[in-house]
Structure formats: C-alpha cells, structure tokens
C-alpha cells in the first residue's frame, strides 16, 4: 500500500508535500539524516506556526481488509 514510509530511500518521493492551512513561516520540510528519532532518514519540519503536511495516494478496494 504505502511505500517509503520511513523515508529510508533518502527521498520524499512518493510522498507529496501539501499546502498547510493558514499562514506559515520558516522553510519547507525536507528529508534529512540528522537527529532522526529512528532509522537513517526522517522528515524535518522547518515550518513555523503550523506543521508541514505530506500525503501519499494509493488504490484500495471497498470492503477489503488491509493489514
């Protein structure tokens, strides 16, 4: 279903950075290997007064259970 869930490719792809609601300052989020909680790579949220938002599209079948 979702891919690159831990950003371990070192890239944001296939995640897509989406526009947060409301005014934000700072810098857009990016993938980094500095100060990650776990793993080698993580997303750094550089925005101020709001959170960066990312999304990923996937195909699902109604009524099917995914684990």
PDB file of N, CA and C in Angstrom:
ATOM      1  N   UNK A   1       0.840  -1.183   0.000  1.00  0.00           N
ATOM      2  CA  UNK A   1       0.000   0.000   0.000  1.00  0.00           C
ATOM      3  C   UNK A   1       0.889   1.252   0.000  1.00  0.00           C
ATOM      4  N   UNK A   2       1.238   1.749   1.175  1.00  0.00           N
ATOM      5  CA  UNK A   2       2.116   2.912   1.230  1.00  0.00           C
ATOM      6  C   UNK A   2       3.551   2.464   1.022  1.00  0.00           C
ATOM      7  N   UNK A   3       4.344   3.291   0.371  1.00  0.00           N
ATOM      8  CA  UNK A   3       5.750   2.967   0.151  1.00  0.00           C
ATOM      9  C   UNK A   3       6.627   4.075   0.703  1.00  0.00           C
ATOM     10  N   UNK A   4       7.870   3.723   0.980  1.00  0.00           N
ATOM     11  CA  UNK A   4       8.848   4.644   1.557  1.00  0.00           C
ATOM     12  C   UNK A   4       8.305   5.287   2.828  1.00  0.00           C
ATOM     13  N   UNK A   5       7.673   4.468   3.686  1.00  0.00           N
ATOM     14  CA  UNK A   5       7.026   5.013   4.877  1.00  0.00           C
ATOM     15  C   UNK A   5       8.014   5.554   5.897  1.00  0.00           C
ATOM     16  N   UNK A   6       9.250   5.096   5.885  1.00  0.00           N
ATOM     17  CA  UNK A   6      10.245   5.607   6.818  1.00  0.00           C
ATOM     18  C   UNK A   6      11.255   6.526   6.159  1.00  0.00           C
ATOM     19  N   UNK A   7      10.984   6.938   4.926  1.00  0.00           N
ATOM     20  CA  UNK A   7      11.870   7.819   4.157  1.00  0.00           C
ATOM     21  C   UNK A   7      13.256   7.211   3.972  1.00  0.00           C
ATOM     22  N   UNK A   8      13.359   5.881   4.067  1.00  0.00           N
ATOM     23  CA  UNK A   8      14.665   5.229   4.022  1.00  0.00           C
ATOM     24  C   UNK A   8      15.307   5.235   2.642  1.00  0.00           C
ATOM     25  N   UNK A   9      14.598   5.732   1.639  1.00  0.00           N
ATOM     26  CA  UNK A   9      15.239   5.902   0.337  1.00  0.00           C
ATOM     27  C   UNK A   9      16.056   7.192   0.318  1.00  0.00           C
ATOM     28  N   UNK A  10      15.889   8.029   1.352  1.00  0.00           N
ATOM     29  CA  UNK A  10      16.569   9.322   1.383  1.00  0.00           C
ATOM     30  C   UNK A  10      15.854  10.364   0.549  1.00  0.00           C
ATOM     31  N   UNK A  11      14.651  10.043   0.122  1.00  0.00           N
ATOM     32  CA  UNK A  11      13.870  10.925  -0.751  1.00  0.00           C
ATOM     33  C   UNK A  11      12.456  11.066  -0.204  1.00  0.00           C
ATOM     34  N   UNK A  12      11.801  12.162  -0.509  1.00  0.00           N
ATOM     35  CA  UNK A  12      10.407  12.356  -0.111  1.00  0.00           C
ATOM     36  C   UNK A  12       9.464  11.522  -0.981  1.00  0.00           C
ATOM     37  N   UNK A  13       9.855  11.245  -2.214  1.00  0.00           N
ATOM     38  CA  UNK A  13       9.007  10.512  -3.163  1.00  0.00           C
ATOM     39  C   UNK A  13       8.679   9.110  -2.646  1.00  0.00           C
ATOM     40  N   UNK A  14       7.488   8.600  -2.774  1.00  0.00           N
ATOM     41  CA  UNK A  14       6.323   9.106  -3.480  1.00  0.00           C
ATOM     42  C   UNK A  14       5.417   9.995  -2.629  1.00  0.00           C
ATOM     43  N   UNK A  15       5.863  10.378  -1.442  1.00  0.00           N
ATOM     44  CA  UNK A  15       5.103  11.332  -0.639  1.00  0.00           C
ATOM     45  C   UNK A  15       5.062  12.667  -1.378  1.00  0.00           C
ATOM     46  N   UNK A  16       3.994  13.413  -1.172  1.00  0.00           N
ATOM     47  CA  UNK A  16       3.829  14.715  -1.803  1.00  0.00           C
ATOM     48  C   UNK A  16       3.622  15.747  -0.705  1.00  0.00           C
ATOM     49  N   UNK A  17       4.399  16.805  -0.749  1.00  0.00           N
ATOM     50  CA  UNK A  17       4.235  17.888   0.219  1.00  0.00           C
ATOM     51  C   UNK A  17       2.969  18.647  -0.155  1.00  0.00           C
ATOM     52  N   UNK A  18       2.044  18.801   0.794  1.00  0.00           N
ATOM     53  CA  UNK A  18       0.793  19.510   0.541  1.00  0.00           C
ATOM     54  C   UNK A  18       0.793  20.829   1.297  1.00  0.00           C
ATOM     55  N   UNK A  19      -0.021  21.754   0.846  1.00  0.00           N
ATOM     56  CA  UNK A  19      -0.061  23.078   1.453  1.00  0.00           C
ATOM     57  C   UNK A  19      -0.812  23.023   2.775  1.00  0.00           C
ATOM     58  N   UNK A  20      -0.183  23.477   3.869  1.00  0.00           N
ATOM     59  CA  UNK A  20      -0.879  23.510   5.154  1.00  0.00           C
ATOM     60  C   UNK A  20      -1.930  24.622   5.164  1.00  0.00           C
ATOM     61  N   UNK A  21      -2.861  24.525   6.078  1.00  0.00           N
ATOM     62  CA  UNK A  21      -3.897  25.540   6.222  1.00  0.00           C
ATOM     63  C   UNK A  21      -3.351  26.693   7.057  1.00  0.00           C
ATOM     64  N   UNK A  22      -3.583  27.910   6.619  1.00  0.00           N
ATOM     65  CA  UNK A  22      -3.148  29.084   7.365  1.00  0.00           C
ATOM     66  C   UNK A  22      -1.757  29.535   6.980  1.00  0.00           C
ATOM     67  N   UNK A  23      -1.374  30.717   7.475  1.00  0.00           N
ATOM     68  CA  UNK A  23      -0.059  31.273   7.150  1.00  0.00           C
ATOM     69  C   UNK A  23       1.059  30.538   7.892  1.00  0.00           C
ATOM     70  N   UNK A  24       2.141  30.315   7.208  1.00  0.00           N
ATOM     71  CA  UNK A  24       3.290  29.639   7.809  1.00  0.00           C
ATOM     72  C   UNK A  24       4.561  30.386   7.454  1.00  0.00           C
ATOM     73  N   UNK A  25       5.481  30.392   8.372  1.00  0.00           N
ATOM     74  CA  UNK A  25       6.801  30.924   8.088  1.00  0.00           C
ATOM     75  C   UNK A  25       7.800  29.791   8.119  1.00  0.00           C
ATOM     76  N   UNK A  26       9.065  30.109   7.996  1.00  0.00           N
ATOM     77  CA  UNK A  26      10.105  29.090   8.047  1.00  0.00           C
ATOM     78  C   UNK A  26      10.406  28.524   6.679  1.00  0.00           C
ATOM     79  N   UNK A  27      10.861  27.277   6.669  1.00  0.00           N
ATOM     80  CA  UNK A  27      11.258  26.623   5.424  1.00  0.00           C
ATOM     81  C   UNK A  27      10.404  25.381   5.195  1.00  0.00           C
ATOM     82  N   UNK A  28      10.251  24.943   3.949  1.00  0.00           N
ATOM     83  CA  UNK A  28       9.502  23.715   3.680  1.00  0.00           C
ATOM     84  C   UNK A  28      10.198  22.509   4.314  1.00  0.00           C
ATOM     85  N   UNK A  29       9.430  21.496   4.636  1.00  0.00           N
ATOM     86  CA  UNK A  29      10.003  20.275   5.177  1.00  0.00           C
ATOM     87  C   UNK A  29      10.910  19.594   4.167  1.00  0.00           C
ATOM     88  N   UNK A  30      11.840  18.817   4.689  1.00  0.00           N
ATOM     89  CA  UNK A  30      12.776  18.113   3.816  1.00  0.00           C
ATOM     90  C   UNK A  30      13.214  16.815   4.477  1.00  0.00           C
ATOM     91  N   UNK A  31      13.790  15.923   3.696  1.00  0.00           N
ATOM     92  CA  UNK A  31      14.315  14.667   4.218  1.00  0.00           C
ATOM     93  C   UNK A  31      15.756  14.904   4.656  1.00  0.00           C
ATOM     94  N   UNK A  32      16.079  14.428   5.845  1.00  0.00           N
ATOM     95  CA  UNK A  32      17.411  14.638   6.406  1.00  0.00           C
ATOM     96  C   UNK A  32      17.896  13.358   7.078  1.00  0.00           C
ATOM     97  N   UNK A  33      19.177  13.284   7.358  1.00  0.00           N
ATOM     98  CA  UNK A  33      19.717  12.163   8.139  1.00  0.00           C
ATOM     99  C   UNK A  33      20.298  12.678   9.450  1.00  0.00           C
ATOM    100  N   UNK A  34      19.859  13.852   9.878  1.00  0.00           N
ATOM    101  CA  UNK A  34      20.350  14.472  11.108  1.00  0.00           C
ATOM    102  C   UNK A  34      19.272  14.458  12.187  1.00  0.00           C
ATOM    103  N   UNK A  35      19.626  13.986  13.372  1.00  0.00           N
ATOM    104  CA  UNK A  35      18.737  13.994  14.546  1.00  0.00           C
ATOM    105  C   UNK A  35      17.446  13.209  14.348  1.00  0.00           C
ATOM    106  N   UNK A  36      17.490  12.112  13.614  1.00  0.00           N
ATOM    107  CA  UNK A  36      16.300  11.285  13.409  1.00  0.00           C
ATOM    108  C   UNK A  36      16.006  10.471  14.662  1.00  0.00           C
ATOM    109  N   UNK A  37      14.736  10.297  14.972  1.00  0.00           N
ATOM    110  CA  UNK A  37      14.329   9.510  16.139  1.00  0.00           C
ATOM    111  C   UNK A  37      14.717   8.051  15.961  1.00  0.00           C
ATOM    112  N   UNK A  38      14.496   7.523  14.769  1.00  0.00           N
ATOM    113  CA  UNK A  38      14.892   6.149  14.457  1.00  0.00           C
ATOM    114  C   UNK A  38      15.148   6.056  12.957  1.00  0.00           C
ATOM    115  N   UNK A  39      15.876   5.059  12.539  1.00  0.00           N
ATOM    116  CA  UNK A  39      16.204   4.915  11.124  1.00  0.00           C
ATOM    117  C   UNK A  39      17.290   5.886  10.706  1.00  0.00           C
ATOM    118  N   UNK A  40      17.634   5.838   9.453  1.00  0.00           N
ATOM    119  CA  UNK A  40      18.691   6.692   8.920  1.00  0.00           C
ATOM    120  C   UNK A  40      18.157   8.043   8.485  1.00  0.00           C
ATOM    121  N   UNK A  41      16.965   8.062   7.881  1.00  0.00           N
ATOM    122  CA  UNK A  41      16.387   9.299   7.359  1.00  0.00           C
ATOM    123  C   UNK A  41      15.071   9.616   8.055  1.00  0.00           C
ATOM    124  N   UNK A  42      14.723  10.889   8.058  1.00  0.00           N
ATOM    125  CA  UNK A  42      13.461  11.337   8.625  1.00  0.00           C
ATOM    126  C   UNK A  42      13.056  12.642   7.944  1.00  0.00           C
ATOM    127  N   UNK A  43      11.827  13.069   8.186  1.00  0.00           N
ATOM    128  CA  UNK A  43      11.379  14.339   7.621  1.00  0.00           C
ATOM    129  C   UNK A  43      11.578  15.425   8.658  1.00  0.00           C
ATOM    130  N   UNK A  44      12.227  16.499   8.246  1.00  0.00           N
ATOM    131  CA  UNK A  44      12.440  17.670   9.090  1.00  0.00           C
ATOM    132  C   UNK A  44      11.341  18.676   8.778  1.00  0.00           C
ATOM    133  N   UNK A  45      10.589  19.082   9.789  1.00  0.00           N
ATOM    134  CA  UNK A  45       9.525  20.074   9.635  1.00  0.00           C
ATOM    135  C   UNK A  45      10.115  21.441   9.931  1.00  0.00           C
ATOM    136  N   UNK A  46      10.383  22.214   8.892  1.00  0.00           N
ATOM    137  CA  UNK A  46      11.022  23.514   9.065  1.00  0.00           C
ATOM    138  C   UNK A  46      10.058  24.674   9.161  1.00  0.00           C
ATOM    139  N   UNK A  47       8.756  24.402   9.118  1.00  0.00           N
ATOM    140  CA  UNK A  47       7.791  25.493   9.142  1.00  0.00           C
ATOM    141  C   UNK A  47       7.581  26.012  10.561  1.00  0.00           C
ATOM    142  N   UNK A  48       7.098  27.226  10.640  1.00  0.00           N
ATOM    143  CA  UNK A  48       6.810  27.866  11.918  1.00  0.00           C
ATOM    144  C   UNK A  48       5.313  28.153  12.007  1.00  0.00           C
ATOM    145  N   UNK A  49       4.745  27.974  13.174  1.00  0.00           N
ATOM    146  CA  UNK A  49       3.344  28.271  13.469  1.00  0.00           C
ATOM    147  C   UNK A  49       2.358  27.347  12.763  1.00  0.00           C
ATOM    148  N   UNK A  50       2.815  26.315  12.118  1.00  0.00           N
ATOM    149  CA  UNK A  50       1.955  25.281  11.547  1.00  0.00           C
ATOM    150  C   UNK A  50       2.849  24.073  11.255  1.00  0.00           C
ATOM    151  N   UNK A  51       2.247  22.973  10.917  1.00  0.00           N
ATOM    152  CA  UNK A  51       3.028  21.766  10.624  1.00  0.00           C
ATOM    153  C   UNK A  51       3.058  21.512   9.127  1.00  0.00           C
ATOM    154  N   UNK A  52       4.201  21.032   8.623  1.00  0.00           N
ATOM    155  CA  UNK A  52       4.253  20.576   7.237  1.00  0.00           C
ATOM    156  C   UNK A  52       3.293  19.401   7.094  1.00  0.00           C
ATOM    157  N   UNK A  53       2.710  19.264   5.934  1.00  0.00           N
ATOM    158  CA  UNK A  53       1.797  18.162   5.671  1.00  0.00           C
ATOM    159  C   UNK A  53       2.277  17.403   4.446  1.00  0.00           C
ATOM    160  N   UNK A  54       2.219  16.072   4.524  1.00  0.00           N
ATOM    161  CA  UNK A  54       2.568  15.240   3.374  1.00  0.00           C
ATOM    162  C   UNK A  54       1.438  14.240   3.152  1.00  0.00           C
ATOM    163  N   UNK A  55       1.312  13.781   1.932  1.00  0.00           N
ATOM    164  CA  UNK A  55       0.282  12.794   1.617  1.00  0.00           C
ATOM    165  C   UNK A  55       0.837  11.804   0.600  1.00  0.00           C
ATOM    166  N   UNK A  56       0.140  10.687   0.487  1.00  0.00           N
ATOM    167  CA  UNK A  56       0.510   9.667  -0.491  1.00  0.00           C
ATOM    168  C   UNK A  56      -0.780   9.014  -0.972  1.00  0.00           C
ATOM    169  N   UNK A  57      -0.944   8.902  -2.268  1.00  0.00           N
ATOM    170  CA  UNK A  57      -2.137   8.265  -2.818  1.00  0.00           C
ATOM    171  C   UNK A  57      -1.900   6.770  -3.004  1.00  0.00           C
ATOM    172  N   UNK A  58      -2.961   6.004  -2.812  1.00  0.00           N
ATOM    173  CA  UNK A  58      -2.892   4.569  -3.046  1.00  0.00           C
ATOM    174  C   UNK A  58      -4.268   4.073  -3.453  1.00  0.00           C
ATOM    175  N   UNK A  59      -4.310   2.926  -4.061  1.00  0.00           N
ATOM    176  CA  UNK A  59      -5.566   2.331  -4.507  1.00  0.00           C
ATOM    177  C   UNK A  59      -6.013   1.291  -3.493  1.00  0.00           C
ATOM    178  N   UNK A  60      -7.286   1.327  -3.143  1.00  0.00           N
ATOM    179  CA  UNK A  60      -7.856   0.352  -2.216  1.00  0.00           C
ATOM    180  C   UNK A  60      -9.185  -0.141  -2.785  1.00  0.00           C
ATOM    181  N   UNK A  61      -9.565  -1.339  -2.379  1.00  0.00           N
ATOM    182  CA  UNK A  61     -10.833  -1.916  -2.803  1.00  0.00           C
ATOM    183  C   UNK A  61     -11.816  -1.847  -1.649  1.00  0.00           C
ATOM    184  N   UNK A  62     -13.000  -1.295  -1.893  1.00  0.00           N
ATOM    185  CA  UNK A  62     -14.026  -1.187  -0.857  1.00  0.00           C
ATOM    186  C   UNK A  62     -14.372  -2.566  -0.307  1.00  0.00           C
ATOM    187  N   UNK A  63     -14.430  -2.674   1.010  1.00  0.00           N
ATOM    188  CA  UNK A  63     -14.788  -3.923   1.665  1.00  0.00           C
ATOM    189  C   UNK A  63     -13.627  -4.862   1.914  1.00  0.00           C
ATOM    190  N   UNK A  64     -12.474  -4.586   1.351  1.00  0.00           N
ATOM    191  CA  UNK A  64     -11.306  -5.438   1.556  1.00  0.00           C
ATOM    192  C   UNK A  64     -10.544  -4.955   2.784  1.00  0.00           C
ATOM    193  N   UNK A  65     -10.067  -5.900   3.596  1.00  0.00           N
ATOM    194  CA  UNK A  65      -9.312  -5.569   4.804  1.00  0.00           C
ATOM    195  C   UNK A  65      -7.826  -5.568   4.472  1.00  0.00           C
ATOM    196  N   UNK A  66      -7.138  -4.501   4.844  1.00  0.00           N
ATOM    197  CA  UNK A  66      -5.694  -4.379   4.620  1.00  0.00           C
ATOM    198  C   UNK A  66      -4.998  -4.363   5.969  1.00  0.00           C
ATOM    199  N   UNK A  67      -3.934  -5.122   6.083  1.00  0.00           N
ATOM    200  CA  UNK A  67      -3.193  -5.182   7.351  1.00  0.00           C
ATOM    201  C   UNK A  67      -1.790  -4.696   7.116  1.00  0.00           C
TER     202      UNK A  67
END
